[in-house]
């Protein structure tokens, strides 16, 4: 499996475009989904090495999505990075309890994100 395959899940097209350009330019193969439903469909045929998911999603809470990923034998080993614009006290703890491996707040620091992902993938 290619160590650079990512799935990014966010309901905001601008965020997806920014991350696709940023991470594609850093050598990652990026697929995107505008909803959890789209992400679940993509996972039927695409096996990313890492998933970035927004927490505030319209069709399913991002934390529930992470719980489903971590409960499934097919996806439980994939590192998941929770991304949120609404960082409140206790949100990171909730995300980690749901099973996320890292927590990033928006606006995303584009200078440090690629290295964070490489660290999670063990490809530094």
N, C-alpha and C. Protein backbone atom coordinates (compact mmCIF):
# COMPACT_ATOMS: atom_id res chain seq x y z
N UNK A 1 0.84 -1.19 0.00
CA UNK A 1 0.00 0.00 0.00
C UNK A 1 0.88 1.24 0.00
N UNK A 2 0.53 2.21 -0.82
CA UNK A 2 1.28 3.46 -0.91
C UNK A 2 1.19 4.20 0.42
N UNK A 3 2.35 4.53 1.02
CA UNK A 3 2.33 5.19 2.33
C UNK A 3 1.79 6.61 2.31
N UNK A 4 1.55 7.18 1.13
CA UNK A 4 1.13 8.58 1.09
C UNK A 4 -0.34 8.78 0.76
N UNK A 5 -1.14 7.72 0.76
CA UNK A 5 -2.56 7.84 0.39
C UNK A 5 -3.38 8.40 1.55
N UNK A 6 -4.09 9.52 1.28
CA UNK A 6 -4.90 10.19 2.28
C UNK A 6 -6.34 10.31 1.81
N UNK A 7 -7.27 10.26 2.78
CA UNK A 7 -8.66 10.60 2.52
C UNK A 7 -8.99 11.79 3.42
N UNK A 8 -9.48 12.86 2.81
CA UNK A 8 -9.84 14.06 3.55
C UNK A 8 -11.35 14.24 3.46
N UNK A 9 -11.99 14.37 4.63
CA UNK A 9 -13.44 14.48 4.70
C UNK A 9 -13.79 15.83 5.30
N UNK A 10 -14.46 16.67 4.52
CA UNK A 10 -14.85 18.00 4.99
C UNK A 10 -16.01 18.46 4.11
N UNK A 11 -17.01 19.09 4.70
CA UNK A 11 -18.16 19.55 3.93
C UNK A 11 -17.95 20.93 3.30
N UNK A 12 -16.77 21.50 3.48
CA UNK A 12 -16.46 22.81 2.90
C UNK A 12 -15.50 22.62 1.73
N UNK A 13 -15.98 22.93 0.52
CA UNK A 13 -15.19 22.73 -0.69
C UNK A 13 -13.85 23.48 -0.63
N UNK A 14 -13.85 24.68 -0.08
CA UNK A 14 -12.62 25.47 0.01
C UNK A 14 -11.56 24.78 0.86
N UNK A 15 -11.98 24.18 1.97
CA UNK A 15 -11.03 23.44 2.82
C UNK A 15 -10.46 22.25 2.08
N UNK A 16 -11.31 21.54 1.35
CA UNK A 16 -10.83 20.37 0.59
C UNK A 16 -9.82 20.79 -0.47
N UNK A 17 -10.12 21.89 -1.17
CA UNK A 17 -9.21 22.36 -2.22
C UNK A 17 -7.87 22.76 -1.62
N UNK A 18 -7.90 23.53 -0.52
CA UNK A 18 -6.65 23.95 0.13
C UNK A 18 -5.82 22.74 0.53
N UNK A 19 -6.44 21.77 1.19
CA UNK A 19 -5.70 20.60 1.65
C UNK A 19 -5.22 19.73 0.49
N UNK A 20 -6.03 19.61 -0.56
CA UNK A 20 -5.61 18.82 -1.73
C UNK A 20 -4.38 19.44 -2.37
N UNK A 21 -4.38 20.77 -2.54
CA UNK A 21 -3.24 21.46 -3.16
C UNK A 21 -2.02 21.37 -2.24
N UNK A 22 -2.19 21.68 -0.96
CA UNK A 22 -1.08 21.65 -0.01
C UNK A 22 -0.46 20.26 0.07
N UNK A 23 -1.28 19.27 0.33
CA UNK A 23 -0.74 17.93 0.57
C UNK A 23 -0.34 17.23 -0.73
N UNK A 24 -1.04 17.52 -1.82
CA UNK A 24 -0.62 17.00 -3.12
C UNK A 24 0.76 17.52 -3.48
N UNK A 25 1.01 18.79 -3.19
CA UNK A 25 2.32 19.38 -3.44
C UNK A 25 3.42 18.83 -2.55
N UNK A 26 3.02 18.20 -1.46
CA UNK A 26 3.98 17.57 -0.54
C UNK A 26 4.18 16.09 -0.85
N UNK A 27 3.59 15.61 -1.95
CA UNK A 27 3.81 14.23 -2.37
C UNK A 27 2.76 13.23 -1.91
N UNK A 28 1.71 13.71 -1.25
CA UNK A 28 0.64 12.81 -0.83
C UNK A 28 -0.35 12.58 -1.97
N UNK A 29 -0.89 11.38 -2.06
CA UNK A 29 -1.99 11.10 -2.97
C UNK A 29 -3.26 11.37 -2.18
N UNK A 30 -4.06 12.34 -2.64
CA UNK A 30 -5.21 12.80 -1.87
C UNK A 30 -6.52 12.48 -2.57
N UNK A 31 -7.43 11.88 -1.82
CA UNK A 31 -8.83 11.74 -2.23
C UNK A 31 -9.66 12.53 -1.25
N UNK A 32 -10.78 13.05 -1.71
CA UNK A 32 -11.62 13.87 -0.85
C UNK A 32 -13.05 13.37 -0.84
N UNK A 33 -13.77 13.74 0.23
CA UNK A 33 -15.19 13.44 0.37
C UNK A 33 -15.85 14.63 1.04
N UNK A 34 -17.02 15.02 0.53
CA UNK A 34 -17.76 16.15 1.07
C UNK A 34 -18.70 15.77 2.20
N UNK A 35 -18.80 14.49 2.50
CA UNK A 35 -19.68 14.03 3.57
C UNK A 35 -19.15 12.70 4.10
N UNK A 36 -19.65 12.33 5.26
CA UNK A 36 -19.29 11.02 5.81
C UNK A 36 -19.81 9.92 4.90
N UNK A 37 -21.00 10.10 4.35
CA UNK A 37 -21.55 9.11 3.42
C UNK A 37 -20.61 8.89 2.24
N UNK A 38 -20.12 9.99 1.65
CA UNK A 38 -19.16 9.88 0.54
C UNK A 38 -17.88 9.19 0.99
N UNK A 39 -17.43 9.51 2.18
CA UNK A 39 -16.21 8.89 2.71
C UNK A 39 -16.40 7.38 2.87
N UNK A 40 -17.53 6.98 3.42
CA UNK A 40 -17.79 5.54 3.60
C UNK A 40 -17.87 4.83 2.26
N UNK A 41 -18.45 5.48 1.27
CA UNK A 41 -18.49 4.90 -0.08
C UNK A 41 -17.09 4.78 -0.66
N UNK A 42 -16.27 5.82 -0.49
CA UNK A 42 -14.90 5.79 -1.01
C UNK A 42 -14.10 4.67 -0.36
N UNK A 43 -14.32 4.43 0.92
CA UNK A 43 -13.57 3.40 1.65
C UNK A 43 -13.89 1.99 1.19
N UNK A 44 -14.96 1.83 0.42
CA UNK A 44 -15.28 0.51 -0.13
C UNK A 44 -14.26 0.08 -1.18
N UNK A 45 -13.63 1.07 -1.85
CA UNK A 45 -12.68 0.74 -2.92
C UNK A 45 -11.30 1.37 -2.74
N UNK A 46 -11.17 2.29 -1.83
CA UNK A 46 -9.93 3.05 -1.63
C UNK A 46 -9.46 2.83 -0.20
N UNK A 47 -8.20 2.42 -0.03
CA UNK A 47 -7.63 2.21 1.31
C UNK A 47 -6.56 3.25 1.59
N UNK A 48 -6.95 4.33 2.24
CA UNK A 48 -5.95 5.35 2.58
C UNK A 48 -5.07 4.87 3.72
N UNK A 49 -3.92 5.46 3.86
CA UNK A 49 -3.04 5.20 5.00
C UNK A 49 -3.38 6.10 6.16
N UNK A 50 -4.13 7.20 5.89
CA UNK A 50 -4.50 8.15 6.93
C UNK A 50 -5.76 8.87 6.50
N UNK A 51 -6.60 9.22 7.47
CA UNK A 51 -7.84 9.96 7.20
C UNK A 51 -7.84 11.24 8.03
N UNK A 52 -8.11 12.36 7.37
CA UNK A 52 -8.36 13.63 8.05
C UNK A 52 -9.86 13.87 7.96
N UNK A 53 -10.52 14.11 9.08
CA UNK A 53 -11.94 14.37 9.03
C UNK A 53 -12.35 15.56 9.88
N UNK A 54 -13.20 16.38 9.30
CA UNK A 54 -13.80 17.47 10.05
C UNK A 54 -14.72 16.86 11.09
N UNK A 55 -14.88 17.52 12.20
CA UNK A 55 -15.77 17.03 13.25
C UNK A 55 -17.21 17.47 13.00
N UNK A 56 -17.38 18.69 12.51
CA UNK A 56 -18.72 19.24 12.26
C UNK A 56 -19.14 18.88 10.83
N UNK A 57 -19.86 17.78 10.69
CA UNK A 57 -20.32 17.33 9.38
C UNK A 57 -21.85 17.30 9.37
N UNK A 58 -22.47 17.55 8.21
CA UNK A 58 -23.93 17.64 8.16
C UNK A 58 -24.66 16.30 8.25
N UNK A 59 -24.07 15.24 7.74
CA UNK A 59 -24.81 13.99 7.67
C UNK A 59 -24.54 13.04 8.84
N UNK A 60 -23.39 13.16 9.46
CA UNK A 60 -23.04 12.34 10.62
C UNK A 60 -21.96 13.09 11.39
N UNK A 61 -22.07 13.11 12.68
CA UNK A 61 -21.06 13.72 13.52
C UNK A 61 -19.71 13.08 13.23
N UNK A 62 -18.67 13.90 13.12
CA UNK A 62 -17.33 13.38 12.84
C UNK A 62 -16.83 12.42 13.90
N UNK A 63 -17.24 12.62 15.15
CA UNK A 63 -16.82 11.70 16.22
C UNK A 63 -17.46 10.33 16.03
N UNK A 64 -18.70 10.31 15.59
CA UNK A 64 -19.37 9.03 15.31
C UNK A 64 -18.68 8.33 14.13
N UNK A 65 -18.27 9.10 13.13
CA UNK A 65 -17.54 8.55 11.99
C UNK A 65 -16.24 7.90 12.47
N UNK A 66 -15.51 8.60 13.35
CA UNK A 66 -14.26 8.05 13.88
C UNK A 66 -14.54 6.77 14.66
N UNK A 67 -15.58 6.76 15.48
CA UNK A 67 -15.93 5.55 16.23
C UNK A 67 -16.20 4.37 15.29
N UNK A 68 -16.93 4.64 14.20
CA UNK A 68 -17.21 3.58 13.22
C UNK A 68 -15.92 3.06 12.57
N UNK A 69 -15.04 4.00 12.22
CA UNK A 69 -13.77 3.58 11.62
C UNK A 69 -12.99 2.68 12.57
N UNK A 70 -12.92 3.08 13.82
CA UNK A 70 -12.12 2.33 14.80
C UNK A 70 -12.80 1.03 15.22
N UNK A 71 -14.09 0.89 15.00
CA UNK A 71 -14.81 -0.34 15.34
C UNK A 71 -14.72 -1.38 14.23
N UNK A 72 -14.37 -0.96 13.04
CA UNK A 72 -14.34 -1.86 11.90
C UNK A 72 -12.96 -2.51 11.74
N UNK A 73 -12.91 -3.83 11.59
CA UNK A 73 -11.61 -4.50 11.37
C UNK A 73 -10.89 -4.00 10.11
N UNK A 74 -11.64 -3.55 9.11
CA UNK A 74 -11.03 -3.08 7.86
C UNK A 74 -10.35 -1.72 7.99
N UNK A 75 -10.82 -0.90 8.93
CA UNK A 75 -10.30 0.47 9.00
C UNK A 75 -9.71 0.85 10.35
N UNK A 76 -9.78 -0.02 11.33
CA UNK A 76 -9.36 0.38 12.69
C UNK A 76 -7.90 0.77 12.81
N UNK A 77 -7.05 0.25 11.93
CA UNK A 77 -5.61 0.56 12.02
C UNK A 77 -5.22 1.84 11.28
N UNK A 78 -6.16 2.45 10.56
CA UNK A 78 -5.86 3.67 9.82
C UNK A 78 -5.83 4.84 10.81
N UNK A 79 -4.72 5.58 10.88
CA UNK A 79 -4.69 6.76 11.75
C UNK A 79 -5.72 7.79 11.28
N UNK A 80 -6.39 8.42 12.25
CA UNK A 80 -7.40 9.43 11.94
C UNK A 80 -7.02 10.73 12.64
N UNK A 81 -7.04 11.81 11.86
CA UNK A 81 -6.78 13.14 12.40
C UNK A 81 -8.11 13.89 12.42
N UNK A 82 -8.55 14.30 13.60
CA UNK A 82 -9.76 15.10 13.74
C UNK A 82 -9.42 16.56 13.51
N UNK A 83 -10.24 17.24 12.71
CA UNK A 83 -10.03 18.64 12.39
C UNK A 83 -11.28 19.41 12.78
N UNK A 84 -11.12 20.52 13.48
CA UNK A 84 -12.29 21.30 13.88
C UNK A 84 -12.01 22.79 13.92
N UNK A 85 -13.04 23.55 13.63
CA UNK A 85 -12.96 25.01 13.75
C UNK A 85 -13.51 25.45 15.10
N UNK A 86 -14.18 24.57 15.79
CA UNK A 86 -14.85 24.92 17.04
C UNK A 86 -14.16 24.26 18.22
N UNK A 87 -12.94 24.68 18.49
CA UNK A 87 -12.16 24.08 19.58
C UNK A 87 -12.65 24.62 20.92
N UNK A 88 -13.35 23.78 21.64
CA UNK A 88 -13.84 24.13 22.97
C UNK A 88 -13.11 23.26 23.98
N UNK A 89 -13.15 23.69 25.21
CA UNK A 89 -12.54 22.91 26.28
C UNK A 89 -13.14 21.52 26.30
N UNK A 90 -12.31 20.51 26.28
CA UNK A 90 -12.78 19.14 26.31
C UNK A 90 -12.96 18.50 24.95
N UNK A 91 -12.94 19.29 23.87
CA UNK A 91 -13.16 18.73 22.53
C UNK A 91 -12.06 17.76 22.12
N UNK A 92 -10.81 18.11 22.43
CA UNK A 92 -9.72 17.20 22.05
C UNK A 92 -9.85 15.88 22.80
N UNK A 93 -10.21 15.94 24.07
CA UNK A 93 -10.41 14.72 24.86
C UNK A 93 -11.51 13.86 24.24
N UNK A 94 -12.62 14.48 23.84
CA UNK A 94 -13.72 13.75 23.22
C UNK A 94 -13.27 13.09 21.92
N UNK A 95 -12.49 13.82 21.13
CA UNK A 95 -12.00 13.28 19.86
C UNK A 95 -11.07 12.10 20.10
N UNK A 96 -10.19 12.22 21.07
CA UNK A 96 -9.27 11.12 21.38
C UNK A 96 -10.02 9.91 21.93
N UNK A 97 -11.04 10.17 22.75
CA UNK A 97 -11.86 9.06 23.27
C UNK A 97 -12.60 8.35 22.15
N UNK A 98 -12.96 9.09 21.09
CA UNK A 98 -13.63 8.48 19.94
C UNK A 98 -12.66 7.62 19.12
N UNK A 99 -11.34 7.87 19.31
CA UNK A 99 -10.34 7.05 18.63
C UNK A 99 -9.40 7.81 17.71
N UNK A 100 -9.50 9.14 17.66
CA UNK A 100 -8.61 9.85 16.75
C UNK A 100 -7.16 9.79 17.28
N UNK A 101 -6.23 9.87 16.34
CA UNK A 101 -4.81 9.77 16.66
C UNK A 101 -4.15 11.13 16.80
N UNK A 102 -4.79 12.16 16.25
CA UNK A 102 -4.29 13.53 16.37
C UNK A 102 -5.47 14.47 16.22
N UNK A 103 -5.25 15.69 16.68
CA UNK A 103 -6.32 16.69 16.73
C UNK A 103 -5.74 18.00 16.23
N UNK A 104 -6.38 18.59 15.21
CA UNK A 104 -5.89 19.82 14.59
C UNK A 104 -7.03 20.83 14.58
N UNK A 105 -6.72 22.07 14.95
CA UNK A 105 -7.74 23.11 14.91
C UNK A 105 -7.59 23.97 13.65
N UNK A 106 -8.71 24.51 13.19
CA UNK A 106 -8.72 25.44 12.07
C UNK A 106 -8.59 26.85 12.63
N UNK A 107 -7.93 27.75 11.92
CA UNK A 107 -7.29 27.50 10.64
C UNK A 107 -6.09 26.57 10.80
N UNK A 108 -5.95 25.68 9.84
CA UNK A 108 -4.88 24.69 9.88
C UNK A 108 -3.54 25.36 9.61
N UNK A 109 -2.55 25.01 10.40
CA UNK A 109 -1.20 25.52 10.18
C UNK A 109 -0.58 24.72 9.03
N UNK A 110 -0.58 25.33 7.85
CA UNK A 110 -0.12 24.64 6.65
C UNK A 110 1.38 24.35 6.68
N UNK A 111 2.11 25.02 7.56
CA UNK A 111 3.56 24.78 7.65
C UNK A 111 3.87 23.50 8.42
N UNK A 112 3.03 23.14 9.38
CA UNK A 112 3.32 21.98 10.24
C UNK A 112 2.50 20.74 9.89
N UNK A 113 1.38 20.90 9.19
CA UNK A 113 0.51 19.75 8.91
C UNK A 113 1.21 18.61 8.16
N UNK A 114 1.94 18.89 7.07
CA UNK A 114 2.58 17.77 6.36
C UNK A 114 3.50 16.94 7.26
N UNK A 115 4.27 17.60 8.12
CA UNK A 115 5.17 16.86 9.02
C UNK A 115 4.39 16.07 10.06
N UNK A 116 3.29 16.62 10.55
CA UNK A 116 2.44 15.88 11.49
C UNK A 116 1.95 14.58 10.84
N UNK A 117 1.48 14.69 9.60
CA UNK A 117 0.96 13.51 8.90
C UNK A 117 2.07 12.50 8.63
N UNK A 118 3.24 12.97 8.21
CA UNK A 118 4.36 12.06 7.98
C UNK A 118 4.74 11.34 9.28
N UNK A 119 4.70 12.07 10.39
CA UNK A 119 5.00 11.46 11.69
C UNK A 119 4.00 10.35 12.02
N UNK A 120 2.72 10.59 11.78
CA UNK A 120 1.71 9.56 12.04
C UNK A 120 1.88 8.35 11.13
N UNK A 121 2.38 8.61 9.92
CA UNK A 121 2.58 7.53 8.95
C UNK A 121 3.95 6.85 9.12
N UNK A 122 4.81 7.45 9.91
CA UNK A 122 6.16 6.91 10.08
C UNK A 122 7.01 7.08 8.84
N UNK A 123 6.77 8.15 8.09
CA UNK A 123 7.52 8.37 6.84
C UNK A 123 8.38 9.63 6.89
N UNK A 124 8.79 10.06 8.07
CA UNK A 124 9.64 11.26 8.19
C UNK A 124 10.91 11.08 7.44
